[in-house]
Amino acid sequence: MKDEGTVMNYRCEIDTAVVADQQESADINGRWEHLKSTVIKAAELTLGHKTREEVRKPWVSDEMIDMTAERRKWKSIHSEEGRKKYKSLNNCLRRITDKARENGTVCRIGET
């Protein structure tokens, strides 16, 4: 952190939270969870919570993302039907992604 004011606010938040919530727990795991949650809360209060945008290639479409999730679901099903469905989705997804990558544009599933 480069801003001294932010550093001081963060330190004050942690210090006050630790002093206010001092609990004498013999359980080391309980003490660790308490310290961890205190640090996370202090960071969110002083620094804010920033969500990370999903980095994605420009040619990846929402249908490809959905198909990947469906394929992942079928991959964990260990039966003949699961293997066939996974293989079918994998082949279809591979064809679509190869075509979209070549074109450099978003390709819809129905256009293959």
Foldseek 3Di string as FASTA:
>chain_A
DPDPVLVVQLVVQLVVQCVVPPDPDPDPVVVVVSSVVSSVVSCCVRVNDDDDDDDDQQQDDPVLVVLVVVLVVLVPDPDPVSVVVNVVSVVLSVVLVVVSVVVSHHDDSVVD
